[in-house]
Amino acid sequence: MQLLLDTHTIIWYVEDDPRLPGHIRRMLKNDFNDIYVSLISFWEISIKSRLGKLSMSKSLADVVSSLDDNYFQFLTVHLDHIFCLNTLELHHKDPFDRMLLAQALAEDFALVSCDDVFDQYEIQRFW
């Protein structure tokens, strides 16, 4: 299965946060799943950290290194993602989440997120 992680999922995974359910943690460690992390999430983490809206015990570089060490794959932004973003209904207005949604839809990935607003879109979501 191909899974794209929402930003909070990434943070909770690398921070070993108990808010990340055990079954999701096991899903992310399952070698049969391809786990993707969007560069959009790193952008979001960087911006929110600099604005004081997010505090983490690890630096952004350490987060990236930890994900790389666990064989997560990094997803860049492609024109297909932006074209998909342009077609989305405005059920969700957060620009980072909308881009993650567009990437998941364009790539036919399931999204791993606790945010149930994504259920208003035709996407498979795990939580």
Protein backbone atom coordinates (compact mmCIF):
# COMPACT_ATOMS: atom_id res chain seq x y z
CA MET A 1 0.00 0.00 0.00
CA GLN A 2 1.20 3.53 -0.74
CA LEU A 3 0.65 5.97 2.11
CA LEU A 4 1.16 9.73 2.29
CA LEU A 5 1.58 11.12 5.80
CA ASP A 6 -0.12 14.26 7.04
CA THR A 7 2.28 16.62 8.81
CA HIS A 8 1.00 15.86 12.31
CA THR A 9 1.49 12.14 11.61
CA ILE A 10 5.14 12.80 10.76
CA ILE A 11 5.66 14.88 13.88
CA TRP A 12 3.98 12.38 16.18
CA TYR A 13 5.96 9.53 14.60
CA VAL A 14 9.41 11.11 14.98
CA GLU A 15 8.59 12.57 18.40
CA ASP A 16 7.26 9.17 19.58
CA ASP A 17 4.07 10.98 20.64
CA PRO A 18 1.39 8.79 22.28
CA ARG A 19 -1.27 10.53 20.15
CA LEU A 20 -0.09 8.36 17.25
CA PRO A 21 -2.18 5.18 17.58
CA GLY A 22 -0.34 1.88 17.81
CA HIS A 23 -2.03 0.47 14.71
CA ILE A 24 -0.84 3.48 12.68
CA ARG A 25 2.70 3.13 14.03
CA ARG A 26 2.67 -0.55 13.01
CA MET A 27 1.34 0.40 9.56
CA LEU A 28 4.25 2.82 9.13
CA LYS A 29 6.76 0.13 10.13
CA ASN A 30 5.26 -2.53 7.85
CA ASP A 31 7.77 -3.28 5.09
CA PHE A 32 4.95 -4.04 2.65
CA ASN A 33 3.82 -0.39 2.73
CA ASP A 34 5.51 2.40 0.81
CA ILE A 35 5.53 5.45 3.07
CA TYR A 36 5.73 8.91 1.49
CA VAL A 37 6.41 12.25 3.11
CA SER A 38 5.73 15.39 1.12
CA LEU A 39 8.25 18.20 1.02
CA ILE A 40 5.18 20.36 1.72
CA SER A 41 5.20 18.96 5.27
CA PHE A 42 8.78 20.10 5.80
CA TRP A 43 7.79 23.54 4.57
CA GLU A 44 4.86 23.56 7.00
CA ILE A 45 7.05 22.43 9.92
CA SER A 46 9.62 25.09 9.10
CA ILE A 47 7.10 27.92 8.88
CA LYS A 48 5.16 26.94 12.00
CA SER A 49 8.36 26.44 14.00
CA ARG A 50 9.66 29.88 13.01
CA LEU A 51 6.32 31.48 13.91
CA GLY A 52 6.35 29.82 17.33
CA LYS A 53 3.23 27.74 16.54
CA LEU A 54 5.13 24.45 16.73
CA SER A 55 7.73 23.23 19.16
CA MET A 56 9.63 20.01 18.56
CA SER A 57 12.43 18.25 20.41
CA LYS A 58 14.21 17.56 17.10
CA SER A 59 15.51 19.96 14.49
CA LEU A 60 14.02 19.83 11.00
CA ALA A 61 17.27 18.27 9.76
CA ASP A 62 16.97 15.55 12.43
CA VAL A 63 13.34 14.92 11.42
CA VAL A 64 14.36 14.48 7.78
CA SER A 65 17.27 12.23 8.76
CA SER A 66 15.04 10.08 10.98
CA LEU A 67 12.51 9.59 8.19
CA ASP A 68 15.27 8.81 5.70
CA ASP A 69 16.79 6.29 8.12
CA ASN A 70 13.40 4.55 8.26
CA TYR A 71 13.23 4.34 4.45
CA PHE A 72 10.38 6.82 4.05
CA GLN A 73 10.27 8.30 0.56
CA PHE A 74 10.20 12.03 -0.09
CA LEU A 75 7.57 13.36 -2.48
CA THR A 76 8.28 16.56 -4.39
CA VAL A 77 5.60 18.81 -5.86
CA HIS A 78 4.75 18.18 -9.51
CA LEU A 79 2.53 20.05 -11.94
CA ASP A 80 0.00 17.20 -11.77
CA HIS A 81 -0.38 17.91 -8.06
CA ILE A 82 -1.04 21.58 -8.71
CA PHE A 83 -3.53 20.76 -11.46
CA CYS A 84 -5.34 18.44 -9.03
CA LEU A 85 -5.27 21.14 -6.34
CA ASN A 86 -7.01 23.47 -8.77
CA THR A 87 -9.97 21.05 -9.02
CA LEU A 88 -10.60 20.53 -5.29
CA GLU A 89 -13.75 21.73 -3.61
CA LEU A 90 -13.13 24.15 -0.74
CA HIS A 91 -14.21 21.84 2.09
CA HIS A 92 -10.85 22.39 3.70
CA LYS A 93 -9.05 25.72 3.52
CA ASP A 94 -5.67 24.93 5.11
CA PRO A 95 -3.22 25.38 2.19
CA PHE A 96 -0.75 22.75 3.42
CA ASP A 97 -3.46 20.13 3.92
CA ARG A 98 -5.03 20.95 0.56
CA MET A 99 -1.70 20.39 -1.18
CA LEU A 100 -1.16 17.09 0.66
CA LEU A 101 -4.66 16.06 -0.38
CA ALA A 102 -3.98 16.99 -4.00
CA GLN A 103 -0.75 15.01 -3.96
CA ALA A 104 -2.46 11.97 -2.48
CA LEU A 105 -5.24 12.14 -5.06
CA ALA A 106 -2.91 12.70 -8.00
CA GLU A 107 -0.64 9.83 -6.95
CA ASP A 108 -3.49 7.54 -5.83
CA PHE A 109 -2.03 7.29 -2.32
CA ALA A 110 -4.00 6.77 0.88
CA LEU A 111 -3.65 9.60 3.39
CA VAL A 112 -2.65 8.91 6.99
CA SER A 113 -4.29 11.65 9.06
CA CYS A 114 -6.52 12.13 12.10
CA ASP A 115 -8.19 15.05 10.31
CA ASP A 116 -11.66 13.81 9.33
CA VAL A 117 -12.32 16.84 7.09
CA PHE A 118 -10.52 14.81 4.42
CA ASP A 119 -13.48 12.43 4.45
CA GLN A 120 -15.39 15.05 2.45
CA TYR A 121 -13.14 14.16 -0.49
CA GLU A 122 -12.90 10.92 -2.41
CA ILE A 123 -9.75 9.67 -0.75
CA GLN A 124 -8.85 6.70 1.37
CA ARG A 125 -7.83 7.90 4.84
CA PHE A 126 -6.36 5.85 7.64
CA TRP A 127 -6.49 6.65 11.31
